[in-house]
Amino acid sequence: MMMDPIADLLTRIRNAYLARNEVVTVPYSRLKKDILHILKKNKYITDYELLENEGNKQSLSITLNNVRKTLHIPTFRRISRPGQRIYL
């Protein structure tokens, strides 16, 4: 069971950049979709799309920036944690 889905999303994106993967898939939630919209607007990712899986499950496919030419890995830092809520 995943305790912190936002941290999981950011970790998957960071690990995909480190592994030089161009596409990463994460489970769908509306909050993750809103976060990905902000990341796309600020050009951290190229695009994302909603995928329909079997069993009525949904997932998000995230297309990263050109990972072969990226010299630096974008660092994401989450301020609010489950034990300490900070809203910005």
N, C-alpha and C. Protein backbone atom coordinates (compact mmCIF):
# COMPACT_ATOMS: atom_id res chain seq x y z
N MET A 1 0.84 -1.17 0.00
CA MET A 1 0.00 0.00 0.00
C MET A 1 0.89 1.24 0.00
N MET A 2 0.57 2.17 -0.88
CA MET A 2 1.35 3.39 -1.01
C MET A 2 0.86 4.42 0.00
N MET A 3 1.79 4.92 0.80
CA MET A 3 1.41 5.87 1.84
C MET A 3 1.48 7.32 1.35
N ASP A 4 2.35 7.60 0.42
CA ASP A 4 2.54 8.97 -0.03
C ASP A 4 2.60 9.00 -1.56
N PRO A 5 1.46 9.13 -2.24
CA PRO A 5 1.44 9.05 -3.70
C PRO A 5 2.16 10.19 -4.41
N ILE A 6 2.22 11.37 -3.80
CA ILE A 6 2.90 12.51 -4.44
C ILE A 6 4.41 12.28 -4.44
N ALA A 7 4.94 11.82 -3.32
CA ALA A 7 6.37 11.52 -3.26
C ALA A 7 6.71 10.38 -4.21
N ASP A 8 5.81 9.41 -4.35
CA ASP A 8 6.03 8.31 -5.29
C ASP A 8 6.08 8.83 -6.72
N LEU A 9 5.20 9.75 -7.07
CA LEU A 9 5.19 10.35 -8.42
C LEU A 9 6.51 11.07 -8.70
N LEU A 10 6.95 11.90 -7.78
CA LEU A 10 8.18 12.66 -7.98
C LEU A 10 9.40 11.74 -8.03
N THR A 11 9.40 10.68 -7.23
CA THR A 11 10.51 9.74 -7.23
C THR A 11 10.56 8.96 -8.54
N ARG A 12 9.41 8.58 -9.07
CA ARG A 12 9.39 7.86 -10.35
C ARG A 12 9.91 8.74 -11.48
N ILE A 13 9.54 10.01 -11.47
CA ILE A 13 10.04 10.93 -12.51
C ILE A 13 11.54 11.11 -12.37
N ARG A 14 12.02 11.31 -11.15
CA ARG A 14 13.46 11.49 -10.92
C ARG A 14 14.24 10.25 -11.33
N ASN A 15 13.75 9.07 -10.97
CA ASN A 15 14.43 7.82 -11.33
C ASN A 15 14.42 7.59 -12.84
N ALA A 16 13.35 8.00 -13.51
CA ALA A 16 13.30 7.85 -14.97
C ALA A 16 14.34 8.75 -15.63
N TYR A 17 14.53 9.96 -15.11
CA TYR A 17 15.59 10.83 -15.64
C TYR A 17 16.96 10.20 -15.41
N LEU A 18 17.18 9.64 -14.23
CA LEU A 18 18.48 9.02 -13.93
C LEU A 18 18.75 7.80 -14.80
N ALA A 19 17.69 7.04 -15.13
CA ALA A 19 17.83 5.85 -15.97
C ALA A 19 17.77 6.19 -17.45
N ARG A 20 17.59 7.46 -17.78
CA ARG A 20 17.49 7.94 -19.16
C ARG A 20 16.31 7.33 -19.91
N ASN A 21 15.20 7.08 -19.19
CA ASN A 21 13.97 6.62 -19.82
C ASN A 21 13.19 7.83 -20.32
N GLU A 22 12.58 7.69 -21.48
CA GLU A 22 11.83 8.81 -22.04
C GLU A 22 10.38 8.83 -21.60
N VAL A 23 9.84 7.67 -21.21
CA VAL A 23 8.44 7.57 -20.80
C VAL A 23 8.37 6.81 -19.48
N VAL A 24 7.53 7.31 -18.58
CA VAL A 24 7.30 6.64 -17.30
C VAL A 24 5.79 6.59 -17.08
N THR A 25 5.32 5.49 -16.49
CA THR A 25 3.90 5.29 -16.24
C THR A 25 3.65 5.26 -14.74
N VAL A 26 2.63 6.00 -14.31
CA VAL A 26 2.25 6.05 -12.90
C VAL A 26 0.75 5.82 -12.77
N PRO A 27 0.29 5.30 -11.63
CA PRO A 27 -1.16 5.14 -11.43
C PRO A 27 -1.86 6.50 -11.44
N TYR A 28 -3.10 6.51 -11.89
CA TYR A 28 -3.84 7.76 -12.05
C TYR A 28 -4.47 8.22 -10.75
N SER A 29 -4.43 9.50 -10.52
CA SER A 29 -5.27 10.19 -9.55
C SER A 29 -5.41 11.63 -10.04
N ARG A 30 -6.46 12.26 -9.61
CA ARG A 30 -6.72 13.62 -10.08
C ARG A 30 -5.66 14.59 -9.57
N LEU A 31 -5.19 14.37 -8.36
CA LEU A 31 -4.15 15.22 -7.79
C LEU A 31 -2.85 15.10 -8.58
N LYS A 32 -2.48 13.87 -8.97
CA LYS A 32 -1.28 13.67 -9.78
C LYS A 32 -1.42 14.34 -11.13
N LYS A 33 -2.62 14.27 -11.71
CA LYS A 33 -2.85 14.92 -12.99
C LYS A 33 -2.67 16.43 -12.87
N ASP A 34 -3.14 17.01 -11.79
CA ASP A 34 -2.97 18.45 -11.57
C ASP A 34 -1.50 18.82 -11.37
N ILE A 35 -0.75 17.98 -10.65
CA ILE A 35 0.68 18.22 -10.45
C ILE A 35 1.42 18.13 -11.78
N LEU A 36 1.06 17.13 -12.60
CA LEU A 36 1.70 16.99 -13.91
C LEU A 36 1.39 18.17 -14.81
N HIS A 37 0.20 18.73 -14.69
CA HIS A 37 -0.14 19.93 -15.48
C HIS A 37 0.79 21.09 -15.11
N ILE A 38 1.07 21.24 -13.82
CA ILE A 38 1.98 22.30 -13.38
C ILE A 38 3.40 22.04 -13.86
N LEU A 39 3.84 20.76 -13.79
CA LEU A 39 5.18 20.42 -14.26
C LEU A 39 5.31 20.65 -15.76
N LYS A 40 4.25 20.39 -16.51
CA LYS A 40 4.29 20.63 -17.96
C LYS A 40 4.33 22.12 -18.25
N LYS A 41 3.56 22.90 -17.51
CA LYS A 41 3.54 24.34 -17.71
C LYS A 41 4.91 24.96 -17.43
N ASN A 42 5.65 24.41 -16.47
CA ASN A 42 6.98 24.91 -16.13
C ASN A 42 8.10 24.19 -16.88
N LYS A 43 7.73 23.35 -17.86
CA LYS A 43 8.65 22.68 -18.78
C LYS A 43 9.59 21.68 -18.09
N TYR A 44 9.12 21.03 -17.01
CA TYR A 44 9.87 19.94 -16.41
C TYR A 44 9.61 18.64 -17.16
N ILE A 45 8.42 18.52 -17.75
CA ILE A 45 8.08 17.36 -18.56
C ILE A 45 7.55 17.85 -19.90
N THR A 46 7.56 16.98 -20.91
CA THR A 46 7.07 17.37 -22.23
C THR A 46 5.57 17.24 -22.32
N ASP A 47 5.03 16.07 -21.90
CA ASP A 47 3.60 15.84 -22.01
C ASP A 47 3.20 14.69 -21.11
N TYR A 48 1.89 14.53 -20.91
CA TYR A 48 1.34 13.39 -20.19
C TYR A 48 0.00 13.05 -20.81
N GLU A 49 -0.39 11.79 -20.69
CA GLU A 49 -1.69 11.37 -21.23
C GLU A 49 -2.29 10.30 -20.33
N LEU A 50 -3.61 10.23 -20.35
CA LEU A 50 -4.35 9.27 -19.55
C LEU A 50 -4.51 7.98 -20.34
N LEU A 51 -4.15 6.85 -19.73
CA LEU A 51 -4.26 5.54 -20.36
C LEU A 51 -5.32 4.72 -19.66
N GLU A 52 -6.09 3.95 -20.43
CA GLU A 52 -7.08 3.04 -19.88
C GLU A 52 -6.48 1.64 -19.85
N ASN A 53 -6.37 1.03 -18.68
CA ASN A 53 -5.84 -0.32 -18.55
C ASN A 53 -7.00 -1.29 -18.36
N GLU A 54 -6.68 -2.59 -18.37
CA GLU A 54 -7.72 -3.58 -18.16
C GLU A 54 -8.21 -3.52 -16.72
N GLY A 55 -9.42 -3.96 -16.51
CA GLY A 55 -9.98 -3.95 -15.15
C GLY A 55 -10.40 -2.58 -14.69
N ASN A 56 -10.70 -1.67 -15.63
CA ASN A 56 -11.17 -0.32 -15.31
C ASN A 56 -10.16 0.47 -14.48
N LYS A 57 -8.89 0.19 -14.66
CA LYS A 57 -7.82 0.95 -14.00
C LYS A 57 -7.30 2.00 -14.97
N GLN A 58 -6.88 3.13 -14.45
CA GLN A 58 -6.32 4.19 -15.27
C GLN A 58 -4.90 4.47 -14.82
N SER A 59 -4.09 4.92 -15.75
CA SER A 59 -2.72 5.31 -15.43
C SER A 59 -2.34 6.51 -16.28
N LEU A 60 -1.29 7.17 -15.88
CA LEU A 60 -0.78 8.33 -16.59
C LEU A 60 0.56 7.98 -17.22
N SER A 61 0.70 8.26 -18.49
CA SER A 61 1.96 8.06 -19.19
C SER A 61 2.62 9.43 -19.33
N ILE A 62 3.81 9.56 -18.76
CA ILE A 62 4.51 10.85 -18.72
C ILE A 62 5.67 10.79 -19.70
N THR A 63 5.72 11.76 -20.62
CA THR A 63 6.83 11.88 -21.56
C THR A 63 7.78 12.94 -21.01
N LEU A 64 9.01 12.53 -20.76
CA LEU A 64 10.00 13.45 -20.19
C LEU A 64 10.66 14.27 -21.29
N ASN A 65 11.36 15.33 -20.89
CA ASN A 65 12.16 16.10 -21.84
C ASN A 65 13.22 15.20 -22.44
N ASN A 66 13.90 15.67 -23.44
CA ASN A 66 14.90 14.86 -24.12
C ASN A 66 15.98 14.44 -23.11
N VAL A 67 15.85 13.18 -22.64
CA VAL A 67 16.74 12.73 -21.57
C VAL A 67 18.16 12.49 -22.05
N ARG A 68 18.37 12.34 -23.34
CA ARG A 68 19.73 12.13 -23.87
C ARG A 68 20.53 13.43 -23.88
N LYS A 69 19.85 14.56 -24.01
CA LYS A 69 20.54 15.85 -24.07
C LYS A 69 20.49 16.62 -22.75
N THR A 70 19.70 16.13 -21.80
CA THR A 70 19.57 16.83 -20.52
C THR A 70 20.85 16.67 -19.73
N LEU A 71 21.47 17.78 -19.38
CA LEU A 71 22.72 17.74 -18.63
C LEU A 71 22.49 17.68 -17.12
N HIS A 72 21.36 18.20 -16.68
CA HIS A 72 21.08 18.17 -15.25
C HIS A 72 19.75 17.46 -15.00
N ILE A 73 19.67 16.81 -13.88
CA ILE A 73 18.46 16.12 -13.47
C ILE A 73 17.62 17.11 -12.67
N PRO A 74 16.36 17.31 -13.07
CA PRO A 74 15.54 18.23 -12.27
C PRO A 74 15.33 17.67 -10.87
N THR A 75 15.54 18.49 -9.88
CA THR A 75 15.34 18.07 -8.50
C THR A 75 14.01 18.62 -8.02
N PHE A 76 13.23 17.74 -7.47
CA PHE A 76 11.93 18.11 -6.91
C PHE A 76 12.04 17.95 -5.41
N ARG A 77 11.53 18.92 -4.69
CA ARG A 77 11.56 18.85 -3.24
C ARG A 77 10.16 19.10 -2.73
N ARG A 78 9.69 18.17 -1.96
CA ARG A 78 8.35 18.30 -1.39
C ARG A 78 8.48 18.90 -0.01
N ILE A 79 7.77 19.98 0.21
CA ILE A 79 7.86 20.69 1.48
C ILE A 79 6.93 20.05 2.51
N SER A 80 5.70 19.80 2.12
CA SER A 80 4.72 19.23 3.03
C SER A 80 4.85 17.72 3.05
N ARG A 81 4.87 17.13 4.24
CA ARG A 81 4.97 15.69 4.41
C ARG A 81 3.74 15.21 5.20
N PRO A 82 3.47 13.91 5.19
CA PRO A 82 2.29 13.44 5.91
C PRO A 82 2.27 13.81 7.39
N GLY A 83 3.42 13.88 8.03
CA GLY A 83 3.47 14.22 9.45
C GLY A 83 3.53 15.72 9.71
N GLN A 84 3.80 16.51 8.67
CA GLN A 84 3.95 17.94 8.85
C GLN A 84 3.38 18.62 7.61
N ARG A 85 2.19 19.14 7.72
CA ARG A 85 1.52 19.78 6.59
C ARG A 85 1.90 21.24 6.50
N ILE A 86 2.48 21.59 5.34
CA ILE A 86 2.83 22.98 5.05
C ILE A 86 2.22 23.29 3.70
N TYR A 87 1.40 24.30 3.63
CA TYR A 87 0.71 24.63 2.39
C TYR A 87 1.29 25.91 1.80
N LEU A 88 1.72 25.85 0.54
CA LEU A 88 2.26 27.02 -0.15
C LEU A 88 1.45 27.29 -1.39
